[in-house]
Amino acid sequence: MKINAVITARSGSKSVIHKNIRKLGSLPLLGWAVKNVNQSKLIDSIFISTDSEKYYEIAKNIDDNIIFHKRSEKLAEDVPSEEVLLDISKKFETYFDDDSIMVLIQPTTPFID
C-alpha cells in the first residue's frame, strides 16, 4: 500500500492574497505543510498541486523530491479539491494502485502531525 500526500496550494486566494506563502515564524504556510509531511515515516510520495512556479520552488527548497502537479487554468480556479485529486491520480497513475491512499494536506493548517 502506498500513501501519497497531496498539498494543494492555489495562488489565487480571493480573501487573503497569497495566503499560502504568508510567513508564519520562519517559514511560509506552505513550507510548514511540506516540512511536517516530509517528517512522516508513513508517506511514500509528496505532491504539490499549484498553479504557481513560485509556490513549487518554495516547496522544492524544503523537499527536493516533491512532485509538481501543475494545475490547468480550470483547476486553478475555485474548484473542489476532489477535482484536483482526480487529475493527479490520472496524470501520475504509476504512483497509484488499488490499495493507494491519498492524503489531502492544506497549507492553511500548518501544525499538522
PDB file of N, CA and C in Angstrom:
ATOM      1  N   MET A   1       0.837  -1.182   0.000  1.00  0.00           N
ATOM      2  CA  MET A   1       0.000   0.000   0.000  1.00  0.00           C
ATOM      3  C   MET A   1       0.883   1.246   0.000  1.00  0.00           C
ATOM      4  N   LYS A   2       0.589   2.161  -0.890  1.00  0.00           N
ATOM      5  CA  LYS A   2       1.306   3.431  -0.955  1.00  0.00           C
ATOM      6  C   LYS A   2       0.444   4.526  -0.356  1.00  0.00           C
ATOM      7  N   ILE A   3       1.084   5.419   0.386  1.00  0.00           N
ATOM      8  CA  ILE A   3       0.391   6.588   0.929  1.00  0.00           C
ATOM      9  C   ILE A   3       1.027   7.814   0.304  1.00  0.00           C
ATOM     10  N   ASN A   4       0.213   8.557  -0.439  1.00  0.00           N
ATOM     11  CA  ASN A   4       0.672   9.744  -1.148  1.00  0.00           C
ATOM     12  C   ASN A   4       0.011  10.986  -0.561  1.00  0.00           C
ATOM     13  N   ALA A   5       0.811  11.946  -0.187  1.00  0.00           N
ATOM     14  CA  ALA A   5       0.290  13.211   0.331  1.00  0.00           C
ATOM     15  C   ALA A   5       0.198  14.205  -0.820  1.00  0.00           C
ATOM     16  N   VAL A   6      -0.901  14.935  -0.854  1.00  0.00           N
ATOM     17  CA  VAL A   6      -1.100  15.978  -1.860  1.00  0.00           C
ATOM     18  C   VAL A   6      -1.324  17.291  -1.126  1.00  0.00           C
ATOM     19  N   ILE A   7      -0.404  18.215  -1.341  1.00  0.00           N
ATOM     20  CA  ILE A   7      -0.517  19.549  -0.750  1.00  0.00           C
ATOM     21  C   ILE A   7      -1.098  20.455  -1.828  1.00  0.00           C
ATOM     22  N   THR A   8      -2.259  21.017  -1.555  1.00  0.00           N
ATOM     23  CA  THR A   8      -2.912  21.900  -2.522  1.00  0.00           C
ATOM     24  C   THR A   8      -2.617  23.346  -2.149  1.00  0.00           C
ATOM     25  N   ALA A   9      -2.094  24.093  -3.108  1.00  0.00           N
ATOM     26  CA  ALA A   9      -1.699  25.480  -2.832  1.00  0.00           C
ATOM     27  C   ALA A   9      -1.957  26.348  -4.057  1.00  0.00           C
ATOM     28  N   ARG A  10      -3.186  26.779  -4.192  1.00  0.00           N
ATOM     29  CA  ARG A  10      -3.565  27.646  -5.301  1.00  0.00           C
ATOM     30  C   ARG A  10      -3.106  29.065  -4.995  1.00  0.00           C
ATOM     31  N   SER A  11      -2.600  29.770  -5.988  1.00  0.00           N
ATOM     32  CA  SER A  11      -2.091  31.128  -5.745  1.00  0.00           C
ATOM     33  C   SER A  11      -3.179  32.193  -5.784  1.00  0.00           C
ATOM     34  N   GLY A  12      -4.354  31.848  -6.264  1.00  0.00           N
ATOM     35  CA  GLY A  12      -5.401  32.849  -6.473  1.00  0.00           C
ATOM     36  C   GLY A  12      -6.384  33.021  -5.338  1.00  0.00           C
ATOM     37  N   SER A  13      -5.918  33.049  -4.116  1.00  0.00           N
ATOM     38  CA  SER A  13      -6.824  33.260  -2.990  1.00  0.00           C
ATOM     39  C   SER A  13      -7.539  34.595  -3.124  1.00  0.00           C
ATOM     40  N   LYS A  14      -8.833  34.558  -2.890  1.00  0.00           N
ATOM     41  CA  LYS A  14      -9.627  35.779  -3.026  1.00  0.00           C
ATOM     42  C   LYS A  14      -9.691  36.594  -1.737  1.00  0.00           C
ATOM     43  N   SER A  15      -9.674  35.904  -0.601  1.00  0.00           N
ATOM     44  CA  SER A  15      -9.827  36.628   0.663  1.00  0.00           C
ATOM     45  C   SER A  15      -8.506  37.193   1.189  1.00  0.00           C
ATOM     46  N   VAL A  16      -7.474  36.394   1.192  1.00  0.00           N
ATOM     47  CA  VAL A  16      -6.149  36.823   1.648  1.00  0.00           C
ATOM     48  C   VAL A  16      -5.168  36.521   0.516  1.00  0.00           C
ATOM     49  N   ILE A  17      -4.681  37.559  -0.122  1.00  0.00           N
ATOM     50  CA  ILE A  17      -3.809  37.396  -1.277  1.00  0.00           C
ATOM     51  C   ILE A  17      -2.546  36.602  -0.897  1.00  0.00           C
ATOM     52  N   HIS A  18      -2.247  35.580  -1.678  1.00  0.00           N
ATOM     53  CA  HIS A  18      -1.078  34.709  -1.485  1.00  0.00           C
ATOM     54  C   HIS A  18      -0.973  34.172  -0.052  1.00  0.00           C
ATOM     55  N   LYS A  19      -2.117  33.797   0.512  1.00  0.00           N
ATOM     56  CA  LYS A  19      -2.120  33.315   1.899  1.00  0.00           C
ATOM     57  C   LYS A  19      -1.238  32.081   2.085  1.00  0.00           C
ATOM     58  N   ASN A  20      -1.124  31.243   1.075  1.00  0.00           N
ATOM     59  CA  ASN A  20      -0.355  30.003   1.214  1.00  0.00           C
ATOM     60  C   ASN A  20       1.141  30.225   1.368  1.00  0.00           C
ATOM     61  N   ILE A  21       1.618  31.422   1.033  1.00  0.00           N
ATOM     62  CA  ILE A  21       3.052  31.699   1.212  1.00  0.00           C
ATOM     63  C   ILE A  21       3.289  32.834   2.211  1.00  0.00           C
ATOM     64  N   ARG A  22       2.258  33.182   2.953  1.00  0.00           N
ATOM     65  CA  ARG A  22       2.444  34.157   4.037  1.00  0.00           C
ATOM     66  C   ARG A  22       3.308  33.521   5.125  1.00  0.00           C
ATOM     67  N   LYS A  23       4.215  34.301   5.653  1.00  0.00           N
ATOM     68  CA  LYS A  23       5.137  33.786   6.682  1.00  0.00           C
ATOM     69  C   LYS A  23       4.413  33.552   8.007  1.00  0.00           C
ATOM     70  N   LEU A  24       4.763  32.442   8.610  1.00  0.00           N
ATOM     71  CA  LEU A  24       4.354  32.119   9.967  1.00  0.00           C
ATOM     72  C   LEU A  24       5.640  31.735  10.678  1.00  0.00           C
ATOM     73  N   GLY A  25       6.201  32.664  11.429  1.00  0.00           N
ATOM     74  CA  GLY A  25       7.513  32.427  12.028  1.00  0.00           C
ATOM     75  C   GLY A  25       8.576  32.405  10.944  1.00  0.00           C
ATOM     76  N   SER A  26       9.329  31.328  10.893  1.00  0.00           N
ATOM     77  CA  SER A  26      10.460  31.255   9.972  1.00  0.00           C
ATOM     78  C   SER A  26      10.111  30.730   8.576  1.00  0.00           C
ATOM     79  N   LEU A  27       8.911  30.205   8.402  1.00  0.00           N
ATOM     80  CA  LEU A  27       8.531  29.608   7.117  1.00  0.00           C
ATOM     81  C   LEU A  27       7.185  30.135   6.627  1.00  0.00           C
ATOM     82  N   PRO A  28       6.964  30.088   5.314  1.00  0.00           N
ATOM     83  CA  PRO A  28       5.620  30.370   4.819  1.00  0.00           C
ATOM     84  C   PRO A  28       4.695  29.199   5.169  1.00  0.00           C
ATOM     85  N   LEU A  29       3.384  29.419   5.154  1.00  0.00           N
ATOM     86  CA  LEU A  29       2.440  28.346   5.481  1.00  0.00           C
ATOM     87  C   LEU A  29       2.714  27.090   4.656  1.00  0.00           C
ATOM     88  N   LEU A  30       2.933  27.264   3.375  1.00  0.00           N
ATOM     89  CA  LEU A  30       3.235  26.135   2.506  1.00  0.00           C
ATOM     90  C   LEU A  30       4.472  25.378   2.985  1.00  0.00           C
ATOM     91  N   GLY A  31       5.463  26.093   3.444  1.00  0.00           N
ATOM     92  CA  GLY A  31       6.687  25.478   3.944  1.00  0.00           C
ATOM     93  C   GLY A  31       6.438  24.582   5.143  1.00  0.00           C
ATOM     94  N   TRP A  32       5.573  25.029   6.046  1.00  0.00           N
ATOM     95  CA  TRP A  32       5.251  24.207   7.215  1.00  0.00           C
ATOM     96  C   TRP A  32       4.572  22.914   6.792  1.00  0.00           C
ATOM     97  N   ALA A  33       3.665  23.001   5.829  1.00  0.00           N
ATOM     98  CA  ALA A  33       2.976  21.796   5.361  1.00  0.00           C
ATOM     99  C   ALA A  33       3.983  20.801   4.778  1.00  0.00           C
ATOM    100  N   VAL A  34       4.873  21.279   3.920  1.00  0.00           N
ATOM    101  CA  VAL A  34       5.874  20.405   3.304  1.00  0.00           C
ATOM    102  C   VAL A  34       6.783  19.808   4.374  1.00  0.00           C
ATOM    103  N   LYS A  35       7.264  20.632   5.275  1.00  0.00           N
ATOM    104  CA  LYS A  35       8.179  20.173   6.326  1.00  0.00           C
ATOM    105  C   LYS A  35       7.524  19.099   7.199  1.00  0.00           C
ATOM    106  N   ASN A  36       6.302  19.340   7.628  1.00  0.00           N
ATOM    107  CA  ASN A  36       5.632  18.390   8.518  1.00  0.00           C
ATOM    108  C   ASN A  36       5.306  17.075   7.818  1.00  0.00           C
ATOM    109  N   VAL A  37       4.848  17.148   6.573  1.00  0.00           N
ATOM    110  CA  VAL A  37       4.547  15.919   5.839  1.00  0.00           C
ATOM    111  C   VAL A  37       5.836  15.152   5.552  1.00  0.00           C
ATOM    112  N   ASN A  38       6.888  15.875   5.235  1.00  0.00           N
ATOM    113  CA  ASN A  38       8.177  15.267   4.934  1.00  0.00           C
ATOM    114  C   ASN A  38       8.721  14.479   6.127  1.00  0.00           C
ATOM    115  N   GLN A  39       8.377  14.878   7.323  1.00  0.00           N
ATOM    116  CA  GLN A  39       8.858  14.199   8.521  1.00  0.00           C
ATOM    117  C   GLN A  39       8.114  12.903   8.837  1.00  0.00           C
ATOM    118  N   SER A  40       6.987  12.701   8.175  1.00  0.00           N
ATOM    119  CA  SER A  40       6.209  11.487   8.421  1.00  0.00           C
ATOM    120  C   SER A  40       6.912  10.268   7.837  1.00  0.00           C
ATOM    121  N   LYS A  41       6.936   9.206   8.605  1.00  0.00           N
ATOM    122  CA  LYS A  41       7.515   7.956   8.135  1.00  0.00           C
ATOM    123  C   LYS A  41       6.490   7.126   7.359  1.00  0.00           C
ATOM    124  N   LEU A  42       5.251   7.593   7.308  1.00  0.00           N
ATOM    125  CA  LEU A  42       4.176   6.856   6.646  1.00  0.00           C
ATOM    126  C   LEU A  42       3.972   7.254   5.187  1.00  0.00           C
ATOM    127  N   ILE A  43       4.404   8.438   4.815  1.00  0.00           N
ATOM    128  CA  ILE A  43       4.154   8.983   3.475  1.00  0.00           C
ATOM    129  C   ILE A  43       5.218   8.492   2.499  1.00  0.00           C
ATOM    130  N   ASP A  44       4.772   7.938   1.374  1.00  0.00           N
ATOM    131  CA  ASP A  44       5.691   7.452   0.340  1.00  0.00           C
ATOM    132  C   ASP A  44       6.071   8.535  -0.664  1.00  0.00           C
ATOM    133  N   SER A  45       5.118   9.359  -1.049  1.00  0.00           N
ATOM    134  CA  SER A  45       5.362  10.419  -2.037  1.00  0.00           C
ATOM    135  C   SER A  45       4.604  11.667  -1.631  1.00  0.00           C
ATOM    136  N   ILE A  46       5.197  12.822  -1.961  1.00  0.00           N
ATOM    137  CA  ILE A  46       4.545  14.103  -1.679  1.00  0.00           C
ATOM    138  C   ILE A  46       4.388  14.861  -2.988  1.00  0.00           C
ATOM    139  N   PHE A  47       3.171  15.282  -3.248  1.00  0.00           N
ATOM    140  CA  PHE A  47       2.849  16.084  -4.416  1.00  0.00           C
ATOM    141  C   PHE A  47       2.493  17.488  -3.967  1.00  0.00           C
ATOM    142  N   ILE A  48       2.862  18.471  -4.768  1.00  0.00           N
ATOM    143  CA  ILE A  48       2.323  19.805  -4.572  1.00  0.00           C
ATOM    144  C   ILE A  48       1.514  20.130  -5.814  1.00  0.00           C
ATOM    145  N   SER A  49       0.274  20.494  -5.598  1.00  0.00           N
ATOM    146  CA  SER A  49      -0.609  20.873  -6.689  1.00  0.00           C
ATOM    147  C   SER A  49      -0.812  22.377  -6.628  1.00  0.00           C
ATOM    148  N   THR A  50      -0.276  23.061  -7.633  1.00  0.00           N
ATOM    149  CA  THR A  50      -0.344  24.515  -7.640  1.00  0.00           C
ATOM    150  C   THR A  50      -0.330  25.040  -9.069  1.00  0.00           C
ATOM    151  N   ASP A  51      -0.757  26.267  -9.204  1.00  0.00           N
ATOM    152  CA  ASP A  51      -0.694  26.952 -10.497  1.00  0.00           C
ATOM    153  C   ASP A  51       0.505  27.889 -10.535  1.00  0.00           C
ATOM    154  N   SER A  52       1.336  27.858  -9.505  1.00  0.00           N
ATOM    155  CA  SER A  52       2.418  28.826  -9.348  1.00  0.00           C
ATOM    156  C   SER A  52       3.796  28.170  -9.314  1.00  0.00           C
ATOM    157  N   GLU A  53       4.653  28.579 -10.225  1.00  0.00           N
ATOM    158  CA  GLU A  53       6.048  28.113 -10.215  1.00  0.00           C
ATOM    159  C   GLU A  53       6.732  28.559  -8.916  1.00  0.00           C
ATOM    160  N   LYS A  54       6.403  29.761  -8.440  1.00  0.00           N
ATOM    161  CA  LYS A  54       6.993  30.284  -7.204  1.00  0.00           C
ATOM    162  C   LYS A  54       6.642  29.382  -6.018  1.00  0.00           C
ATOM    163  N   TYR A  55       5.393  28.953  -5.939  1.00  0.00           N
ATOM    164  CA  TYR A  55       4.973  28.079  -4.849  1.00  0.00           C
ATOM    165  C   TYR A  55       5.724  26.746  -4.927  1.00  0.00           C
ATOM    166  N   TYR A  56       5.871  26.231  -6.138  1.00  0.00           N
ATOM    167  CA  TYR A  56       6.608  24.984  -6.314  1.00  0.00           C
ATOM    168  C   TYR A  56       8.052  25.135  -5.860  1.00  0.00           C
ATOM    169  N   GLU A  57       8.687  26.233  -6.201  1.00  0.00           N
ATOM    170  CA  GLU A  57      10.088  26.457  -5.800  1.00  0.00           C
ATOM    171  C   GLU A  57      10.222  26.532  -4.285  1.00  0.00           C
ATOM    172  N   ILE A  58       9.263  27.155  -3.620  1.00  0.00           N
ATOM    173  CA  ILE A  58       9.273  27.207  -2.151  1.00  0.00           C
ATOM    174  C   ILE A  58       9.229  25.790  -1.585  1.00  0.00           C
ATOM    175  N   ALA A  59       8.323  24.976  -2.109  1.00  0.00           N
ATOM    176  CA  ALA A  59       8.193  23.587  -1.637  1.00  0.00           C
ATOM    177  C   ALA A  59       9.446  22.778  -1.953  1.00  0.00           C
ATOM    178  N   LYS A  60       9.981  22.955  -3.146  1.00  0.00           N
ATOM    179  CA  LYS A  60      11.159  22.197  -3.580  1.00  0.00           C
ATOM    180  C   LYS A  60      12.393  22.561  -2.748  1.00  0.00           C
ATOM    181  N   ASN A  61      12.472  23.793  -2.258  1.00  0.00           N
ATOM    182  CA  ASN A  61      13.589  24.188  -1.394  1.00  0.00           C
ATOM    183  C   ASN A  61      13.560  23.451  -0.058  1.00  0.00           C
ATOM    184  N   ILE A  62      12.402  22.982   0.333  1.00  0.00           N
ATOM    185  CA  ILE A  62      12.273  22.245   1.593  1.00  0.00           C
ATOM    186  C   ILE A  62      12.409  20.742   1.366  1.00  0.00           C
ATOM    187  N   ASP A  63      11.866  20.266   0.244  1.00  0.00           N
ATOM    188  CA  ASP A  63      11.945  18.842  -0.092  1.00  0.00           C
ATOM    189  C   ASP A  63      12.225  18.711  -1.585  1.00  0.00           C
ATOM    190  N   ASP A  64      13.444  18.354  -1.905  1.00  0.00           N
ATOM    191  CA  ASP A  64      13.878  18.261  -3.303  1.00  0.00           C
ATOM    192  C   ASP A  64      13.159  17.151  -4.071  1.00  0.00           C
ATOM    193  N   ASN A  65      12.542  16.217  -3.360  1.00  0.00           N
ATOM    194  CA  ASN A  65      11.858  15.092  -4.011  1.00  0.00           C
ATOM    195  C   ASN A  65      10.373  15.336  -4.250  1.00  0.00           C
ATOM    196  N   ILE A  66       9.882  16.503  -3.910  1.00  0.00           N
ATOM    197  CA  ILE A  66       8.457  16.789  -4.071  1.00  0.00           C
ATOM    198  C   ILE A  66       8.080  16.739  -5.549  1.00  0.00           C
ATOM    199  N   ILE A  67       6.895  16.230  -5.828  1.00  0.00           N
ATOM    200  CA  ILE A  67       6.425  16.048  -7.204  1.00  0.00           C
ATOM    201  C   ILE A  67       5.480  17.194  -7.550  1.00  0.00           C
ATOM    202  N   PHE A  68       5.741  17.825  -8.670  1.00  0.00           N
ATOM    203  CA  PHE A  68       4.999  19.018  -9.090  1.00  0.00           C
ATOM    204  C   PHE A  68       3.812  18.639  -9.962  1.00  0.00           C
ATOM    205  N   HIS A  69       2.633  19.011  -9.520  1.00  0.00           N
ATOM    206  CA  HIS A  69       1.416  18.895 -10.323  1.00  0.00           C
ATOM    207  C   HIS A  69       1.016  20.309 -10.723  1.00  0.00           C
ATOM    208  N   LYS A  70       1.300  20.658 -11.966  1.00  0.00           N
ATOM    209  CA  LYS A  70       0.948  21.985 -12.482  1.00  0.00           C
ATOM    210  C   LYS A  70      -0.537  21.981 -12.826  1.00  0.00           C
ATOM    211  N   ARG A  71      -1.284  22.824 -12.152  1.00  0.00           N
ATOM    212  CA  ARG A  71      -2.726  22.874 -12.390  1.00  0.00           C
ATOM    213  C   ARG A  71      -3.059  23.548 -13.716  1.00  0.00           C
ATOM    214  N   SER A  72      -4.074  23.036 -14.355  1.00  0.00           N
ATOM    215  CA  SER A  72      -4.598  23.672 -15.561  1.00  0.00           C
ATOM    216  C   SER A  72      -5.308  24.967 -15.149  1.00  0.00           C
ATOM    217  N   GLU A  73      -5.642  25.788 -16.115  1.00  0.00           N
ATOM    218  CA  GLU A  73      -6.366  27.035 -15.802  1.00  0.00           C
ATOM    219  C   GLU A  73      -7.676  26.741 -15.100  1.00  0.00           C
ATOM    220  N   LYS A  74      -8.363  25.698 -15.549  1.00  0.00           N
ATOM    221  CA  LYS A  74      -9.635  25.330 -14.928  1.00  0.00           C
ATOM    222  C   LYS A  74      -9.445  24.952 -13.465  1.00  0.00           C
ATOM    223  N   LEU A  75      -8.414  24.141 -13.182  1.00  0.00           N
ATOM    224  CA  LEU A  75      -8.168  23.706 -11.801  1.00  0.00           C
ATOM    225  C   LEU A  75      -7.538  24.798 -10.942  1.00  0.00           C
ATOM    226  N   ALA A  76      -7.078  25.879 -11.569  1.00  0.00           N
ATOM    227  CA  ALA A  76      -6.516  26.997 -10.808  1.00  0.00           C
ATOM    228  C   ALA A  76      -7.613  27.912 -10.278  1.00  0.00           C
ATOM    229  N   GLU A  77      -8.840  27.668 -10.712  1.00  0.00           N
ATOM    230  CA  GLU A  77      -9.984  28.426 -10.203  1.00  0.00           C
ATOM    231  C   GLU A  77     -10.416  27.832  -8.863  1.00  0.00           C
ATOM    232  N   ASP A  78     -11.472  28.377  -8.327  1.00  0.00           N
ATOM    233  CA  ASP A  78     -12.011  27.902  -7.055  1.00  0.00           C
ATOM    234  C   ASP A  78     -12.844  26.643  -7.317  1.00  0.00           C
ATOM    235  N   VAL A  79     -12.179  25.482  -7.359  1.00  0.00           N
ATOM    236  CA  VAL A  79     -12.843  24.208  -7.639  1.00  0.00           C
ATOM    237  C   VAL A  79     -12.699  23.286  -6.430  1.00  0.00           C
ATOM    238  N   PRO A  80     -13.579  22.291  -6.325  1.00  0.00           N
ATOM    239  CA  PRO A  80     -13.450  21.337  -5.217  1.00  0.00           C
ATOM    240  C   PRO A  80     -12.113  20.589  -5.275  1.00  0.00           C
ATOM    241  N   SER A  81     -11.566  20.309  -4.130  1.00  0.00           N
ATOM    242  CA  SER A  81     -10.287  19.592  -4.043  1.00  0.00           C
ATOM    243  C   SER A  81     -10.361  18.222  -4.713  1.00  0.00           C
ATOM    244  N   GLU A  82     -11.535  17.615  -4.712  1.00  0.00           N
ATOM    245  CA  GLU A  82     -11.690  16.299  -5.321  1.00  0.00           C
ATOM    246  C   GLU A  82     -11.309  16.319  -6.801  1.00  0.00           C
ATOM    247  N   GLU A  83     -11.619  17.405  -7.497  1.00  0.00           N
ATOM    248  CA  GLU A  83     -11.262  17.521  -8.919  1.00  0.00           C
ATOM    249  C   GLU A  83      -9.740  17.531  -9.093  1.00  0.00           C
ATOM    250  N   VAL A  84      -9.058  18.209  -8.190  1.00  0.00           N
ATOM    251  CA  VAL A  84      -7.596  18.255  -8.235  1.00  0.00           C
ATOM    252  C   VAL A  84      -7.023  16.862  -7.964  1.00  0.00           C
ATOM    253  N   LEU A  85      -7.543  16.178  -6.968  1.00  0.00           N
ATOM    254  CA  LEU A  85      -7.058  14.848  -6.626  1.00  0.00           C
ATOM    255  C   LEU A  85      -7.289  13.861  -7.764  1.00  0.00           C
ATOM    256  N   LEU A  86      -8.432  13.941  -8.414  1.00  0.00           N
ATOM    257  CA  LEU A  86      -8.702  13.061  -9.561  1.00  0.00           C
ATOM    258  C   LEU A  86      -7.729  13.331 -10.699  1.00  0.00           C
ATOM    259  N   ASP A  87      -7.418  14.598 -10.948  1.00  0.00           N
ATOM    260  CA  ASP A  87      -6.475  14.952 -12.002  1.00  0.00           C
ATOM    261  C   ASP A  87      -5.085  14.379 -11.691  1.00  0.00           C
ATOM    262  N   ILE A  88      -4.675  14.480 -10.447  1.00  0.00           N
ATOM    263  CA  ILE A  88      -3.371  13.929 -10.042  1.00  0.00           C
ATOM    264  C   ILE A  88      -3.345  12.419 -10.228  1.00  0.00           C
ATOM    265  N   SER A  89      -4.406  11.743  -9.811  1.00  0.00           N
ATOM    266  CA  SER A  89      -4.425  10.276  -9.935  1.00  0.00           C
ATOM    267  C   SER A  89      -4.371   9.830 -11.391  1.00  0.00           C
ATOM    268  N   LYS A  90      -4.905  10.638 -12.298  1.00  0.00           N
ATOM    269  CA  LYS A  90      -4.846  10.303 -13.727  1.00  0.00           C
ATOM    270  C   LYS A  90      -3.474  10.615 -14.319  1.00  0.00           C
ATOM    271  N   LYS A  91      -2.917  11.775 -13.990  1.00  0.00           N
ATOM    272  CA  LYS A  91      -1.643  12.198 -14.583  1.00  0.00           C
ATOM    273  C   LYS A  91      -0.447  11.439 -14.020  1.00  0.00           C
ATOM    274  N   PHE A  92      -0.569  10.969 -12.790  1.00  0.00           N
ATOM    275  CA  PHE A  92       0.542  10.269 -12.134  1.00  0.00           C
ATOM    276  C   PHE A  92       0.120   8.860 -11.741  1.00  0.00           C
ATOM    277  N   GLU A  93      -0.517   8.174 -12.658  1.00  0.00           N
ATOM    278  CA  GLU A  93      -1.113   6.873 -12.343  1.00  0.00           C
ATOM    279  C   GLU A  93      -0.111   5.838 -11.869  1.00  0.00           C
ATOM    280  N   THR A  94       1.157   5.986 -12.204  1.00  0.00           N
ATOM    281  CA  THR A  94       2.152   5.000 -11.748  1.00  0.00           C
ATOM    282  C   THR A  94       2.365   5.062 -10.229  1.00  0.00           C
ATOM    283  N   TYR A  95       1.963   6.154  -9.597  1.00  0.00           N
ATOM    284  CA  TYR A  95       2.091   6.285  -8.147  1.00  0.00           C
ATOM    285  C   TYR A  95       0.902   5.680  -7.394  1.00  0.00           C
ATOM    286  N   PHE A  96      -0.119   5.308  -8.149  1.00  0.00           N
ATOM    287  CA  PHE A  96      -1.362   4.878  -7.512  1.00  0.00           C
ATOM    288  C   PHE A  96      -1.770   3.489  -8.005  1.00  0.00           C
ATOM    289  N   ASP A  97      -2.200   2.665  -7.065  1.00  0.00           N
ATOM    290  CA  ASP A  97      -2.802   1.393  -7.416  1.00  0.00           C
ATOM    291  C   ASP A  97      -4.082   1.243  -6.601  1.00  0.00           C
ATOM    292  N   ASP A  98      -4.685   0.075  -6.654  1.00  0.00           N
ATOM    293  CA  ASP A  98      -5.978  -0.118  -5.978  1.00  0.00           C
ATOM    294  C   ASP A  98      -5.896   0.028  -4.463  1.00  0.00           C
ATOM    295  N   ASP A  99      -4.699  -0.130  -3.896  1.00  0.00           N
ATOM    296  CA  ASP A  99      -4.541  -0.039  -2.446  1.00  0.00           C
ATOM    297  C   ASP A  99      -3.994   1.305  -1.973  1.00  0.00           C
ATOM    298  N   SER A 100      -3.763   2.226  -2.899  1.00  0.00           N
ATOM    299  CA  SER A 100      -3.163   3.518  -2.546  1.00  0.00           C
ATOM    300  C   SER A 100      -4.124   4.389  -1.754  1.00  0.00           C
ATOM    301  N   ILE A 101      -3.515   5.236  -0.955  1.00  0.00           N
ATOM    302  CA  ILE A 101      -4.268   6.224  -0.179  1.00  0.00           C
ATOM    303  C   ILE A 101      -3.729   7.603  -0.535  1.00  0.00           C
ATOM    304  N   MET A 102      -4.645   8.542  -0.741  1.00  0.00           N
ATOM    305  CA  MET A 102      -4.261   9.941  -0.957  1.00  0.00           C
ATOM    306  C   MET A 102      -4.643  10.717   0.296  1.00  0.00           C
ATOM    307  N   VAL A 103      -3.713  11.496   0.788  1.00  0.00           N
ATOM    308  CA  VAL A 103      -3.957  12.324   1.958  1.00  0.00           C
ATOM    309  C   VAL A 103      -3.910  13.775   1.506  1.00  0.00           C
ATOM    310  N   LEU A 104      -4.992  14.487   1.679  1.00  0.00           N
ATOM    311  CA  LEU A 104      -5.072  15.889   1.290  1.00  0.00           C
ATOM    312  C   LEU A 104      -4.531  16.759   2.417  1.00  0.00           C
ATOM    313  N   ILE A 105      -3.552  17.578   2.092  1.00  0.00           N
ATOM    314  CA  ILE A 105      -2.933  18.487   3.068  1.00  0.00           C
ATOM    315  C   ILE A 105      -3.141  19.913   2.562  1.00  0.00           C
ATOM    316  N   GLN A 106      -3.623  20.776   3.427  1.00  0.00           N
ATOM    317  CA  GLN A 106      -3.812  22.175   3.066  1.00  0.00           C
ATOM    318  C   GLN A 106      -2.850  23.048   3.851  1.00  0.00           C
ATOM    319  N   PRO A 107      -2.159  23.956   3.179  1.00  0.00           N
ATOM    320  CA  PRO A 107      -1.175  24.807   3.850  1.00  0.00           C
ATOM    321  C   PRO A 107      -1.784  25.678   4.960  1.00  0.00           C
ATOM    322  N   THR A 108      -3.072  25.881   4.912  1.00  0.00           N
ATOM    323  CA  THR A 108      -3.718  26.710   5.930  1.00  0.00           C
ATOM    324  C   THR A 108      -3.914  25.988   7.258  1.00  0.00           C
ATOM    325  N   THR A 109      -3.443  24.740   7.335  1.00  0.00           N
ATOM    326  CA  THR A 109      -3.397  24.022   8.614  1.00  0.00           C
ATOM    327  C   THR A 109      -1.950  23.585   8.856  1.00  0.00           C
ATOM    328  N   PRO A 110      -1.086  24.540   9.218  1.00  0.00           N
ATOM    329  CA  PRO A 110       0.354  24.273   9.266  1.00  0.00           C
ATOM    330  C   PRO A 110       0.841  23.411  10.428  1.00  0.00           C
ATOM    331  N   PHE A 111       0.042  23.206  11.429  1.00  0.00           N
ATOM    332  CA  PHE A 111       0.527  22.486  12.603  1.00  0.00           C
ATOM    333  C   PHE A 111       0.095  21.032  12.653  1.00  0.00           C
ATOM    334  N   ILE A 112      -0.058  20.410  11.492  1.00  0.00           N
ATOM    335  CA  ILE A 112      -0.438  19.004  11.447  1.00  0.00           C
ATOM    336  C   ILE A 112       0.746  18.131  11.823  1.00  0.00           C
ATOM    337  N   ASP A 113       0.435  16.989  12.360  1.00  0.00           N
ATOM    338  CA  ASP A 113       1.475  15.994  12.692  1.00  0.00           C
ATOM    339  C   ASP A 113       1.274  14.776  11.828  1.00  0.00           C
TER     340      ASP A 113
END
